Amino acid sequence: MVAFEDLRIWQDAQNIALQIYSLFKDNKDYGFRDQIQRAAISISNNIAEGSEYNSDKVMIRYLRISKGSCGEVKNMLYLCPKIGYCDDDTAKSLINKCKSLSSSIGAFIAYLENNNRNNQ
């Protein structure tokens, strides 16, 4: 298995987390801020953790969790402009990055599942 640091999905997840941390660093709604930051870092954390088991089956499980965290971040980003935490363009840009990342994670899951079927 490839080192997680070399996976484009991990790199993209790290970039999203950095943008989320930067966007909300001064937000005083601590519950909202902490939740979106935890969800954002969870995306790359689960990619990294799953890869360390050196098992496609386990990696797929962690990738699904990562994909779920990506959806959580995306959901919270839809709320941000509605509650005045960021402008529409910023939210849309990050939502699109989350959509792209989620799609890439899904493609990697499909690849690993297909690879496992072919090796049985």
PDB file of N, CA and C in Angstrom:
ATOM      1  N   MET A   1       0.844  -1.188   0.000  1.00  0.00           N
ATOM      2  CA  MET A   1       0.000   0.000   0.000  1.00  0.00           C
ATOM      3  C   MET A   1       0.886   1.246   0.000  1.00  0.00           C
ATOM      4  N   VAL A   2       0.417   2.273  -0.662  1.00  0.00           N
ATOM      5  CA  VAL A   2       1.112   3.549  -0.751  1.00  0.00           C
ATOM      6  C   VAL A   2       1.033   4.269   0.598  1.00  0.00           C
ATOM      7  N   ALA A   3       2.088   4.986   0.943  1.00  0.00           N
ATOM      8  CA  ALA A   3       2.071   5.797   2.168  1.00  0.00           C
ATOM      9  C   ALA A   3       0.978   6.853   2.053  1.00  0.00           C
ATOM     10  N   PHE A   4       0.270   7.086   3.154  1.00  0.00           N
ATOM     11  CA  PHE A   4      -0.854   8.025   3.095  1.00  0.00           C
ATOM     12  C   PHE A   4      -0.422   9.423   2.662  1.00  0.00           C
ATOM     13  N   GLU A   5       0.801   9.801   2.991  1.00  0.00           N
ATOM     14  CA  GLU A   5       1.285  11.124   2.615  1.00  0.00           C
ATOM     15  C   GLU A   5       1.348  11.310   1.092  1.00  0.00           C
ATOM     16  N   ASP A   6       1.444  10.201   0.378  1.00  0.00           N
ATOM     17  CA  ASP A   6       1.523  10.255  -1.087  1.00  0.00           C
ATOM     18  C   ASP A   6       0.154  10.227  -1.756  1.00  0.00           C
ATOM     19  N   LEU A   7      -0.892   9.996  -0.975  1.00  0.00           N
ATOM     20  CA  LEU A   7      -2.242   9.943  -1.550  1.00  0.00           C
ATOM     21  C   LEU A   7      -2.774  11.356  -1.780  1.00  0.00           C
ATOM     22  N   ARG A   8      -3.256  11.588  -2.988  1.00  0.00           N
ATOM     23  CA  ARG A   8      -3.806  12.907  -3.315  1.00  0.00           C
ATOM     24  C   ARG A   8      -5.012  13.231  -2.417  1.00  0.00           C
ATOM     25  N   ILE A   9      -5.812  12.227  -2.079  1.00  0.00           N
ATOM     26  CA  ILE A   9      -6.978  12.486  -1.229  1.00  0.00           C
ATOM     27  C   ILE A   9      -6.560  12.975   0.150  1.00  0.00           C
ATOM     28  N   TRP A  10      -5.469  12.447   0.675  1.00  0.00           N
ATOM     29  CA  TRP A  10      -4.978  12.906   1.977  1.00  0.00           C
ATOM     30  C   TRP A  10      -4.484  14.344   1.869  1.00  0.00           C
ATOM     31  N   GLN A  11      -3.741  14.644   0.807  1.00  0.00           N
ATOM     32  CA  GLN A  11      -3.236  15.997   0.591  1.00  0.00           C
ATOM     33  C   GLN A  11      -4.386  16.997   0.452  1.00  0.00           C
ATOM     34  N   ASP A  12      -5.405  16.627  -0.324  1.00  0.00           N
ATOM     35  CA  ASP A  12      -6.566  17.498  -0.488  1.00  0.00           C
ATOM     36  C   ASP A  12      -7.316  17.683   0.830  1.00  0.00           C
ATOM     37  N   ALA A  13      -7.431  16.612   1.595  1.00  0.00           N
ATOM     38  CA  ALA A  13      -8.107  16.698   2.896  1.00  0.00           C
ATOM     39  C   ALA A  13      -7.338  17.616   3.846  1.00  0.00           C
ATOM     40  N   GLN A  14      -6.026  17.532   3.820  1.00  0.00           N
ATOM     41  CA  GLN A  14      -5.211  18.421   4.649  1.00  0.00           C
ATOM     42  C   GLN A  14      -5.445  19.883   4.252  1.00  0.00           C
ATOM     43  N   ASN A  15      -5.512  20.144   2.952  1.00  0.00           N
ATOM     44  CA  ASN A  15      -5.739  21.512   2.475  1.00  0.00           C
ATOM     45  C   ASN A  15      -7.099  22.052   2.908  1.00  0.00           C
ATOM     46  N   ILE A  16      -8.118  21.205   2.836  1.00  0.00           N
ATOM     47  CA  ILE A  16      -9.450  21.622   3.292  1.00  0.00           C
ATOM     48  C   ILE A  16      -9.419  21.922   4.789  1.00  0.00           C
ATOM     49  N   ALA A  17      -8.777  21.065   5.562  1.00  0.00           N
ATOM     50  CA  ALA A  17      -8.691  21.287   7.009  1.00  0.00           C
ATOM     51  C   ALA A  17      -7.984  22.606   7.312  1.00  0.00           C
ATOM     52  N   LEU A  18      -6.913  22.894   6.608  1.00  0.00           N
ATOM     53  CA  LEU A  18      -6.197  24.155   6.817  1.00  0.00           C
ATOM     54  C   LEU A  18      -7.083  25.357   6.503  1.00  0.00           C
ATOM     55  N   GLN A  19      -7.853  25.265   5.427  1.00  0.00           N
ATOM     56  CA  GLN A  19      -8.755  26.360   5.070  1.00  0.00           C
ATOM     57  C   GLN A  19      -9.864  26.532   6.107  1.00  0.00           C
ATOM     58  N   ILE A  20     -10.397  25.419   6.604  1.00  0.00           N
ATOM     59  CA  ILE A  20     -11.446  25.485   7.628  1.00  0.00           C
ATOM     60  C   ILE A  20     -10.886  26.091   8.907  1.00  0.00           C
ATOM     61  N   TYR A  21      -9.705  25.642   9.324  1.00  0.00           N
ATOM     62  CA  TYR A  21      -9.097  26.201  10.537  1.00  0.00           C
ATOM     63  C   TYR A  21      -8.870  27.699  10.399  1.00  0.00           C
ATOM     64  N   SER A  22      -8.366  28.109   9.252  1.00  0.00           N
ATOM     65  CA  SER A  22      -8.112  29.530   9.020  1.00  0.00           C
ATOM     66  C   SER A  22      -9.406  30.343   9.012  1.00  0.00           C
ATOM     67  N   LEU A  23     -10.435  29.822   8.348  1.00  0.00           N
ATOM     68  CA  LEU A  23     -11.708  30.534   8.226  1.00  0.00           C
ATOM     69  C   LEU A  23     -12.386  30.747   9.575  1.00  0.00           C
ATOM     70  N   PHE A  24     -12.277  29.759  10.464  1.00  0.00           N
ATOM     71  CA  PHE A  24     -13.031  29.809  11.722  1.00  0.00           C
ATOM     72  C   PHE A  24     -12.182  30.079  12.962  1.00  0.00           C
ATOM     73  N   LYS A  25     -10.905  30.421  12.770  1.00  0.00           N
ATOM     74  CA  LYS A  25     -10.012  30.582  13.926  1.00  0.00           C
ATOM     75  C   LYS A  25     -10.482  31.645  14.920  1.00  0.00           C
ATOM     76  N   ASP A  26     -11.156  32.685  14.435  1.00  0.00           N
ATOM     77  CA  ASP A  26     -11.616  33.756  15.324  1.00  0.00           C
ATOM     78  C   ASP A  26     -13.113  33.688  15.623  1.00  0.00           C
ATOM     79  N   ASN A  27     -13.768  32.637  15.163  1.00  0.00           N
ATOM     80  CA  ASN A  27     -15.214  32.497  15.371  1.00  0.00           C
ATOM     81  C   ASN A  27     -15.481  32.218  16.854  1.00  0.00           C
ATOM     82  N   LYS A  28     -16.373  32.989  17.434  1.00  0.00           N
ATOM     83  CA  LYS A  28     -16.673  32.855  18.869  1.00  0.00           C
ATOM     84  C   LYS A  28     -17.767  31.843  19.173  1.00  0.00           C
ATOM     85  N   ASP A  29     -18.387  31.293  18.139  1.00  0.00           N
ATOM     86  CA  ASP A  29     -19.365  30.207  18.333  1.00  0.00           C
ATOM     87  C   ASP A  29     -18.549  28.925  18.464  1.00  0.00           C
ATOM     88  N   TYR A  30     -18.091  28.683  19.687  1.00  0.00           N
ATOM     89  CA  TYR A  30     -17.137  27.608  19.925  1.00  0.00           C
ATOM     90  C   TYR A  30     -17.683  26.236  19.563  1.00  0.00           C
ATOM     91  N   GLY A  31     -18.961  26.013  19.791  1.00  0.00           N
ATOM     92  CA  GLY A  31     -19.557  24.724  19.442  1.00  0.00           C
ATOM     93  C   GLY A  31     -19.496  24.476  17.944  1.00  0.00           C
ATOM     94  N   PHE A  32     -19.910  25.464  17.172  1.00  0.00           N
ATOM     95  CA  PHE A  32     -19.883  25.346  15.715  1.00  0.00           C
ATOM     96  C   PHE A  32     -18.447  25.227  15.213  1.00  0.00           C
ATOM     97  N   ARG A  33     -17.599  26.122  15.693  1.00  0.00           N
ATOM     98  CA  ARG A  33     -16.200  26.135  15.258  1.00  0.00           C
ATOM     99  C   ARG A  33     -15.513  24.809  15.547  1.00  0.00           C
ATOM    100  N   ASP A  34     -15.669  24.327  16.774  1.00  0.00           N
ATOM    101  CA  ASP A  34     -15.006  23.079  17.142  1.00  0.00           C
ATOM    102  C   ASP A  34     -15.527  21.906  16.324  1.00  0.00           C
ATOM    103  N   GLN A  35     -16.827  21.882  16.072  1.00  0.00           N
ATOM    104  CA  GLN A  35     -17.419  20.766  15.328  1.00  0.00           C
ATOM    105  C   GLN A  35     -16.922  20.736  13.880  1.00  0.00           C
ATOM    106  N   ILE A  36     -16.919  21.879  13.205  1.00  0.00           N
ATOM    107  CA  ILE A  36     -16.485  21.883  11.805  1.00  0.00           C
ATOM    108  C   ILE A  36     -14.981  21.628  11.703  1.00  0.00           C
ATOM    109  N   GLN A  37     -14.211  22.135  12.666  1.00  0.00           N
ATOM    110  CA  GLN A  37     -12.773  21.870  12.653  1.00  0.00           C
ATOM    111  C   GLN A  37     -12.474  20.398  12.930  1.00  0.00           C
ATOM    112  N   ARG A  38     -13.175  19.806  13.893  1.00  0.00           N
ATOM    113  CA  ARG A  38     -12.973  18.375  14.181  1.00  0.00           C
ATOM    114  C   ARG A  38     -13.359  17.519  12.986  1.00  0.00           C
ATOM    115  N   ALA A  39     -14.480  17.848  12.358  1.00  0.00           N
ATOM    116  CA  ALA A  39     -14.924  17.081  11.190  1.00  0.00           C
ATOM    117  C   ALA A  39     -13.926  17.224  10.046  1.00  0.00           C
ATOM    118  N   ALA A  40     -13.405  18.431   9.842  1.00  0.00           N
ATOM    119  CA  ALA A  40     -12.451  18.661   8.751  1.00  0.00           C
ATOM    120  C   ALA A  40     -11.166  17.868   8.963  1.00  0.00           C
ATOM    121  N   ILE A  41     -10.636  17.876  10.170  1.00  0.00           N
ATOM    122  CA  ILE A  41      -9.391  17.129  10.421  1.00  0.00           C
ATOM    123  C   ILE A  41      -9.641  15.628  10.421  1.00  0.00           C
ATOM    124  N   SER A  42     -10.860  15.221  10.717  1.00  0.00           N
ATOM    125  CA  SER A  42     -11.217  13.803  10.712  1.00  0.00           C
ATOM    126  C   SER A  42     -11.086  13.188   9.315  1.00  0.00           C
ATOM    127  N   ILE A  43     -11.274  13.996   8.293  1.00  0.00           N
ATOM    128  CA  ILE A  43     -11.178  13.473   6.922  1.00  0.00           C
ATOM    129  C   ILE A  43      -9.782  12.909   6.685  1.00  0.00           C
ATOM    130  N   SER A  44      -8.761  13.721   6.891  1.00  0.00           N
ATOM    131  CA  SER A  44      -7.389  13.245   6.654  1.00  0.00           C
ATOM    132  C   SER A  44      -6.934  12.261   7.729  1.00  0.00           C
ATOM    133  N   ASN A  45      -7.394  12.441   8.972  1.00  0.00           N
ATOM    134  CA  ASN A  45      -7.020  11.506  10.033  1.00  0.00           C
ATOM    135  C   ASN A  45      -7.440  10.077   9.695  1.00  0.00           C
ATOM    136  N   ASN A  46      -8.656   9.921   9.184  1.00  0.00           N
ATOM    137  CA  ASN A  46      -9.138   8.575   8.878  1.00  0.00           C
ATOM    138  C   ASN A  46      -8.447   7.965   7.666  1.00  0.00           C
ATOM    139  N   ILE A  47      -8.081   8.792   6.713  1.00  0.00           N
ATOM    140  CA  ILE A  47      -7.292   8.287   5.579  1.00  0.00           C
ATOM    141  C   ILE A  47      -5.946   7.774   6.091  1.00  0.00           C
ATOM    142  N   ALA A  48      -5.307   8.568   6.939  1.00  0.00           N
ATOM    143  CA  ALA A  48      -4.012   8.175   7.490  1.00  0.00           C
ATOM    144  C   ALA A  48      -4.127   6.928   8.360  1.00  0.00           C
ATOM    145  N   GLU A  49      -5.097   6.922   9.250  1.00  0.00           N
ATOM    146  CA  GLU A  49      -5.249   5.772  10.157  1.00  0.00           C
ATOM    147  C   GLU A  49      -5.540   4.492   9.385  1.00  0.00           C
ATOM    148  N   GLY A  50      -6.450   4.559   8.442  1.00  0.00           N
ATOM    149  CA  GLY A  50      -6.794   3.369   7.672  1.00  0.00           C
ATOM    150  C   GLY A  50      -5.623   2.809   6.897  1.00  0.00           C
ATOM    151  N   SER A  51      -4.774   3.678   6.396  1.00  0.00           N
ATOM    152  CA  SER A  51      -3.640   3.203   5.601  1.00  0.00           C
ATOM    153  C   SER A  51      -2.597   2.481   6.449  1.00  0.00           C
ATOM    154  N   GLU A  52      -2.538   2.802   7.711  1.00  0.00           N
ATOM    155  CA  GLU A  52      -1.527   2.209   8.588  1.00  0.00           C
ATOM    156  C   GLU A  52      -1.787   0.733   8.895  1.00  0.00           C
ATOM    157  N   TYR A  53      -2.977   0.248   8.625  1.00  0.00           N
ATOM    158  CA  TYR A  53      -3.294  -1.159   8.887  1.00  0.00           C
ATOM    159  C   TYR A  53      -2.814  -2.085   7.779  1.00  0.00           C
ATOM    160  N   ASN A  54      -2.420  -1.522   6.637  1.00  0.00           N
ATOM    161  CA  ASN A  54      -1.945  -2.317   5.500  1.00  0.00           C
ATOM    162  C   ASN A  54      -2.941  -3.396   5.084  1.00  0.00           C
ATOM    163  N   SER A  55      -4.206  -3.047   5.115  1.00  0.00           N
ATOM    164  CA  SER A  55      -5.285  -3.949   4.731  1.00  0.00           C
ATOM    165  C   SER A  55      -6.306  -3.159   3.929  1.00  0.00           C
ATOM    166  N   ASP A  56      -6.569  -3.596   2.707  1.00  0.00           N
ATOM    167  CA  ASP A  56      -7.552  -2.890   1.884  1.00  0.00           C
ATOM    168  C   ASP A  56      -8.921  -2.876   2.543  1.00  0.00           C
ATOM    169  N   LYS A  57      -9.290  -3.982   3.164  1.00  0.00           N
ATOM    170  CA  LYS A  57     -10.604  -4.065   3.807  1.00  0.00           C
ATOM    171  C   LYS A  57     -10.734  -3.029   4.917  1.00  0.00           C
ATOM    172  N   VAL A  58      -9.716  -2.894   5.732  1.00  0.00           N
ATOM    173  CA  VAL A  58      -9.735  -1.913   6.817  1.00  0.00           C
ATOM    174  C   VAL A  58      -9.656  -0.500   6.240  1.00  0.00           C
ATOM    175  N   MET A  59      -8.833  -0.337   5.215  1.00  0.00           N
ATOM    176  CA  MET A  59      -8.704   0.976   4.582  1.00  0.00           C
ATOM    177  C   MET A  59     -10.051   1.447   4.038  1.00  0.00           C
ATOM    178  N   ILE A  60     -10.791   0.551   3.420  1.00  0.00           N
ATOM    179  CA  ILE A  60     -12.109   0.901   2.881  1.00  0.00           C
ATOM    180  C   ILE A  60     -13.028   1.387   4.003  1.00  0.00           C
ATOM    181  N   ARG A  61     -12.992   0.712   5.141  1.00  0.00           N
ATOM    182  CA  ARG A  61     -13.831   1.116   6.279  1.00  0.00           C
ATOM    183  C   ARG A  61     -13.491   2.546   6.719  1.00  0.00           C
ATOM    184  N   TYR A  62     -12.203   2.839   6.836  1.00  0.00           N
ATOM    185  CA  TYR A  62     -11.788   4.176   7.252  1.00  0.00           C
ATOM    186  C   TYR A  62     -12.061   5.220   6.171  1.00  0.00           C
ATOM    187  N   LEU A  63     -11.951   4.835   4.912  1.00  0.00           N
ATOM    188  CA  LEU A  63     -12.282   5.765   3.834  1.00  0.00           C
ATOM    189  C   LEU A  63     -13.759   6.139   3.874  1.00  0.00           C
ATOM    190  N   ARG A  64     -14.606   5.185   4.220  1.00  0.00           N
ATOM    191  CA  ARG A  64     -16.036   5.489   4.340  1.00  0.00           C
ATOM    192  C   ARG A  64     -16.295   6.473   5.484  1.00  0.00           C
ATOM    193  N   ILE A  65     -15.575   6.315   6.580  1.00  0.00           N
ATOM    194  CA  ILE A  65     -15.700   7.255   7.696  1.00  0.00           C
ATOM    195  C   ILE A  65     -15.214   8.633   7.244  1.00  0.00           C
ATOM    196  N   SER A  66     -14.110   8.654   6.526  1.00  0.00           N
ATOM    197  CA  SER A  66     -13.563   9.896   6.003  1.00  0.00           C
ATOM    198  C   SER A  66     -14.563  10.593   5.078  1.00  0.00           C
ATOM    199  N   LYS A  67     -15.204   9.814   4.238  1.00  0.00           N
ATOM    200  CA  LYS A  67     -16.217  10.342   3.318  1.00  0.00           C
ATOM    201  C   LYS A  67     -17.394  10.929   4.107  1.00  0.00           C
ATOM    202  N   GLY A  68     -17.775  10.262   5.180  1.00  0.00           N
ATOM    203  CA  GLY A  68     -18.839  10.784   6.039  1.00  0.00           C
ATOM    204  C   GLY A  68     -18.460  12.108   6.692  1.00  0.00           C
ATOM    205  N   SER A  69     -17.222  12.209   7.145  1.00  0.00           N
ATOM    206  CA  SER A  69     -16.756  13.469   7.735  1.00  0.00           C
ATOM    207  C   SER A  69     -16.744  14.582   6.696  1.00  0.00           C
ATOM    208  N   CYS A  70     -16.419  14.232   5.479  1.00  0.00           N
ATOM    209  CA  CYS A  70     -16.447  15.207   4.386  1.00  0.00           C
ATOM    210  C   CYS A  70     -17.878  15.732   4.197  1.00  0.00           C
ATOM    211  N   GLY A  71     -18.845  14.841   4.263  1.00  0.00           N
ATOM    212  CA  GLY A  71     -20.246  15.248   4.172  1.00  0.00           C
ATOM    213  C   GLY A  71     -20.656  16.138   5.330  1.00  0.00           C
ATOM    214  N   GLU A  72     -20.139  15.854   6.512  1.00  0.00           N
ATOM    215  CA  GLU A  72     -20.453  16.681   7.685  1.00  0.00           C
ATOM    216  C   GLU A  72     -19.922  18.099   7.497  1.00  0.00           C
ATOM    217  N   VAL A  73     -18.687  18.214   7.022  1.00  0.00           N
ATOM    218  CA  VAL A  73     -18.114  19.540   6.769  1.00  0.00           C
ATOM    219  C   VAL A  73     -18.943  20.275   5.720  1.00  0.00           C
ATOM    220  N   LYS A  74     -19.280  19.580   4.662  1.00  0.00           N
ATOM    221  CA  LYS A  74     -20.072  20.181   3.590  1.00  0.00           C
ATOM    222  C   LYS A  74     -21.416  20.681   4.127  1.00  0.00           C
ATOM    223  N   ASN A  75     -22.078  19.878   4.933  1.00  0.00           N
ATOM    224  CA  ASN A  75     -23.351  20.272   5.523  1.00  0.00           C
ATOM    225  C   ASN A  75     -23.213  21.547   6.351  1.00  0.00           C
ATOM    226  N   MET A  76     -22.174  21.627   7.157  1.00  0.00           N
ATOM    227  CA  MET A  76     -21.976  22.803   7.996  1.00  0.00           C
ATOM    228  C   MET A  76     -21.645  24.031   7.154  1.00  0.00           C
ATOM    229  N   LEU A  77     -20.949  23.809   6.043  1.00  0.00           N
ATOM    230  CA  LEU A  77     -20.625  24.925   5.154  1.00  0.00           C
ATOM    231  C   LEU A  77     -21.873  25.515   4.498  1.00  0.00           C
ATOM    232  N   TYR A  78     -22.882  24.677   4.256  1.00  0.00           N
ATOM    233  CA  TYR A  78     -24.144  25.203   3.720  1.00  0.00           C
ATOM    234  C   TYR A  78     -24.783  26.175   4.714  1.00  0.00           C
ATOM    235  N   LEU A  79     -24.583  25.935   5.997  1.00  0.00           N
ATOM    236  CA  LEU A  79     -25.146  26.804   7.029  1.00  0.00           C
ATOM    237  C   LEU A  79     -24.389  28.123   7.199  1.00  0.00           C
ATOM    238  N   CYS A  80     -23.102  28.089   6.943  1.00  0.00           N
ATOM    239  CA  CYS A  80     -22.241  29.242   7.247  1.00  0.00           C
ATOM    240  C   CYS A  80     -22.749  30.578   6.712  1.00  0.00           C
ATOM    241  N   PRO A  81     -23.045  30.699   5.430  1.00  0.00           N
ATOM    242  CA  PRO A  81     -23.521  32.017   4.970  1.00  0.00           C
ATOM    243  C   PRO A  81     -24.910  32.359   5.524  1.00  0.00           C
ATOM    244  N   LYS A  82     -25.701  31.362   5.792  1.00  0.00           N
ATOM    245  CA  LYS A  82     -27.054  31.599   6.307  1.00  0.00           C
ATOM    246  C   LYS A  82     -27.032  32.173   7.716  1.00  0.00           C
ATOM    247  N   ILE A  83     -25.984  31.818   8.482  1.00  0.00           N
ATOM    248  CA  ILE A  83     -25.895  32.323   9.852  1.00  0.00           C
ATOM    249  C   ILE A  83     -24.818  33.406   9.994  1.00  0.00           C
ATOM    250  N   GLY A  84     -24.269  33.820   8.858  1.00  0.00           N
ATOM    251  CA  GLY A  84     -23.341  34.945   8.846  1.00  0.00           C
ATOM    252  C   GLY A  84     -21.907  34.631   9.209  1.00  0.00           C
ATOM    253  N   TYR A  85     -21.486  33.375   9.061  1.00  0.00           N
ATOM    254  CA  TYR A  85     -20.118  33.003   9.431  1.00  0.00           C
ATOM    255  C   TYR A  85     -19.135  33.105   8.269  1.00  0.00           C
ATOM    256  N   CYS A  86     -19.636  33.189   7.043  1.00  0.00           N
ATOM    257  CA  CYS A  86     -18.791  33.421   5.881  1.00  0.00           C
ATOM    258  C   CYS A  86     -19.682  33.858   4.726  1.00  0.00           C
ATOM    259  N   ASP A  87     -19.054  34.355   3.675  1.00  0.00           N
ATOM    260  CA  ASP A  87     -19.842  34.787   2.524  1.00  0.00           C
ATOM    261  C   ASP A  87     -20.168  33.594   1.622  1.00  0.00           C
ATOM    262  N   ASP A  88     -21.111  33.792   0.723  1.00  0.00           N
ATOM    263  CA  ASP A  88     -21.565  32.726  -0.170  1.00  0.00           C
ATOM    264  C   ASP A  88     -20.435  32.143  -1.012  1.00  0.00           C
ATOM    265  N   ASP A  89     -19.590  33.009  -1.557  1.00  0.00           N
ATOM    266  CA  ASP A  89     -18.514  32.534  -2.441  1.00  0.00           C
ATOM    267  C   ASP A  89     -17.519  31.642  -1.704  1.00  0.00           C
ATOM    268  N   THR A  90     -17.178  32.014  -0.485  1.00  0.00           N
ATOM    269  CA  THR A  90     -16.254  31.203   0.318  1.00  0.00           C
ATOM    270  C   THR A  90     -16.875  29.841   0.608  1.00  0.00           C
ATOM    271  N   ALA A  91     -18.127  29.849   1.017  1.00  0.00           N
ATOM    272  CA  ALA A  91     -18.813  28.588   1.309  1.00  0.00           C
ATOM    273  C   ALA A  91     -18.897  27.724   0.063  1.00  0.00           C
ATOM    274  N   LYS A  92     -19.303  28.309  -1.058  1.00  0.00           N
ATOM    275  CA  LYS A  92     -19.433  27.544  -2.304  1.00  0.00           C
ATOM    276  C   LYS A  92     -18.108  26.946  -2.743  1.00  0.00           C
ATOM    277  N   SER A  93     -17.043  27.712  -2.622  1.00  0.00           N
ATOM    278  CA  SER A  93     -15.720  27.213  -2.994  1.00  0.00           C
ATOM    279  C   SER A  93     -15.327  25.999  -2.153  1.00  0.00           C
ATOM    280  N   LEU A  94     -15.521  26.093  -0.839  1.00  0.00           N
ATOM    281  CA  LEU A  94     -15.173  24.976   0.047  1.00  0.00           C
ATOM    282  C   LEU A  94     -16.125  23.793  -0.142  1.00  0.00           C
ATOM    283  N   ILE A  95     -17.381  24.062  -0.379  1.00  0.00           N
ATOM    284  CA  ILE A  95     -18.340  22.977  -0.658  1.00  0.00           C
ATOM    285  C   ILE A  95     -17.917  22.223  -1.906  1.00  0.00           C
ATOM    286  N   ASN A  96     -17.515  22.949  -2.948  1.00  0.00           N
ATOM    287  CA  ASN A  96     -17.068  22.295  -4.178  1.00  0.00           C
ATOM    288  C   ASN A  96     -15.807  21.466  -3.952  1.00  0.00           C
ATOM    289  N   LYS A  97     -14.905  21.947  -3.114  1.00  0.00           N
ATOM    290  CA  LYS A  97     -13.710  21.169  -2.780  1.00  0.00           C
ATOM    291  C   LYS A  97     -14.093  19.898  -2.028  1.00  0.00           C
ATOM    292  N   CYS A  98     -15.063  20.011  -1.123  1.00  0.00           N
ATOM    293  CA  CYS A  98     -15.542  18.834  -0.391  1.00  0.00           C
ATOM    294  C   CYS A  98     -16.220  17.838  -1.332  1.00  0.00           C
ATOM    295  N   LYS A  99     -17.020  18.340  -2.263  1.00  0.00           N
ATOM    296  CA  LYS A  99     -17.676  17.458  -3.237  1.00  0.00           C
ATOM    297  C   LYS A  99     -16.637  16.710  -4.066  1.00  0.00           C
ATOM    298  N   SER A 100     -15.634  17.426  -4.529  1.00  0.00           N
ATOM    299  CA  SER A 100     -14.576  16.814  -5.323  1.00  0.00           C
ATOM    300  C   SER A 100     -13.813  15.777  -4.511  1.00  0.00           C
ATOM    301  N   LEU A 101     -13.479  16.117  -3.274  1.00  0.00           N
ATOM    302  CA  LEU A 101     -12.766  15.180  -2.411  1.00  0.00           C
ATOM    303  C   LEU A 101     -13.613  13.947  -2.133  1.00  0.00           C
ATOM    304  N   SER A 102     -14.881  14.140  -1.824  1.00  0.00           N
ATOM    305  CA  SER A 102     -15.776  13.014  -1.566  1.00  0.00           C
ATOM    306  C   SER A 102     -15.847  12.085  -2.772  1.00  0.00           C
ATOM    307  N   SER A 103     -15.921  12.669  -3.947  1.00  0.00           N
ATOM    308  CA  SER A 103     -15.946  11.878  -5.180  1.00  0.00           C
ATOM    309  C   SER A 103     -14.645  11.090  -5.353  1.00  0.00           C
ATOM    310  N   SER A 104     -13.527  11.727  -5.070  1.00  0.00           N
ATOM    311  CA  SER A 104     -12.225  11.056  -5.180  1.00  0.00           C
ATOM    312  C   SER A 104     -12.092   9.924  -4.160  1.00  0.00           C
ATOM    313  N   ILE A 105     -12.568  10.153  -2.952  1.00  0.00           N
ATOM    314  CA  ILE A 105     -12.545   9.094  -1.934  1.00  0.00           C
ATOM    315  C   ILE A 105     -13.412   7.933  -2.401  1.00  0.00           C
ATOM    316  N   GLY A 106     -14.594   8.237  -2.933  1.00  0.00           N
ATOM    317  CA  GLY A 106     -15.476   7.192  -3.452  1.00  0.00           C
ATOM    318  C   GLY A 106     -14.831   6.402  -4.572  1.00  0.00           C
ATOM    319  N   ALA A 107     -14.116   7.074  -5.449  1.00  0.00           N
ATOM    320  CA  ALA A 107     -13.422   6.394  -6.548  1.00  0.00           C
ATOM    321  C   ALA A 107     -12.316   5.480  -6.004  1.00  0.00           C
ATOM    322  N   PHE A 108     -11.628   5.929  -4.958  1.00  0.00           N
ATOM    323  CA  PHE A 108     -10.579   5.103  -4.362  1.00  0.00           C
ATOM    324  C   PHE A 108     -11.184   3.884  -3.679  1.00  0.00           C
ATOM    325  N   ILE A 109     -12.311   4.064  -3.019  1.00  0.00           N
ATOM    326  CA  ILE A 109     -13.018   2.926  -2.421  1.00  0.00           C
ATOM    327  C   ILE A 109     -13.385   1.916  -3.503  1.00  0.00           C
ATOM    328  N   ALA A 110     -13.955   2.394  -4.601  1.00  0.00           N
ATOM    329  CA  ALA A 110     -14.338   1.504  -5.707  1.00  0.00           C
ATOM    330  C   ALA A 110     -13.125   0.776  -6.274  1.00  0.00           C
ATOM    331  N   TYR A 111     -12.021   1.478  -6.411  1.00  0.00           N
ATOM    332  CA  TYR A 111     -10.789   0.861  -6.897  1.00  0.00           C
ATOM    333  C   TYR A 111     -10.338  -0.259  -5.966  1.00  0.00           C
ATOM    334  N   LEU A 112     -10.313   0.024  -4.657  1.00  0.00           N
ATOM    335  CA  LEU A 112      -9.872  -0.991  -3.696  1.00  0.00           C
ATOM    336  C   LEU A 112     -10.822  -2.185  -3.673  1.00  0.00           C
ATOM    337  N   GLU A 113     -12.122  -1.921  -3.751  1.00  0.00           N
ATOM    338  CA  GLU A 113     -13.099  -3.020  -3.769  1.00  0.00           C
ATOM    339  C   GLU A 113     -12.929  -3.870  -5.020  1.00  0.00           C
ATOM    340  N   ASN A 114     -12.729  -3.236  -6.148  1.00  0.00           N
ATOM    341  CA  ASN A 114     -12.527  -3.957  -7.412  1.00  0.00           C
ATOM    342  C   ASN A 114     -11.228  -4.745  -7.388  1.00  0.00           C
ATOM    343  N   ASN A 115     -10.194  -4.151  -6.847  1.00  0.00           N
ATOM    344  CA  ASN A 115      -8.897  -4.818  -6.737  1.00  0.00           C
ATOM    345  C   ASN A 115      -9.003  -6.061  -5.867  1.00  0.00           C
ATOM    346  N   ASN A 116      -9.777  -5.973  -4.778  1.00  0.00           N
ATOM    347  CA  ASN A 116      -9.960  -7.124  -3.892  1.00  0.00           C
ATOM    348  C   ASN A 116     -10.730  -8.239  -4.585  1.00  0.00           C
ATOM    349  N   ARG A 117     -11.744  -7.882  -5.384  1.00  0.00           N
ATOM    350  CA  ARG A 117     -12.508  -8.901  -6.129  1.00  0.00           C
ATOM    351  C   ARG A 117     -11.629  -9.616  -7.138  1.00  0.00           C
ATOM    352  N   ASN A 118     -10.752  -8.865  -7.786  1.00  0.00           N
ATOM    353  CA  ASN A 118      -9.888  -9.452  -8.810  1.00  0.00           C
ATOM    354  C   ASN A 118      -8.798 -10.336  -8.218  1.00  0.00           C
ATOM    355  N   ASN A 119      -8.468 -10.115  -6.949  1.00  0.00           N
ATOM    356  CA  ASN A 119      -7.402 -10.900  -6.318  1.00  0.00           C
ATOM    357  C   ASN A 119      -7.919 -12.096  -5.534  1.00  0.00           C
ATOM    358  N   GLN A 120      -9.214 -12.346  -5.608  1.00  0.00           N
ATOM    359  CA  GLN A 120      -9.756 -13.479  -4.840  1.00  0.00           C
ATOM    360  C   GLN A 120      -9.845 -14.707  -5.685  1.00  0.00           C
TER     361      GLN A 120
END
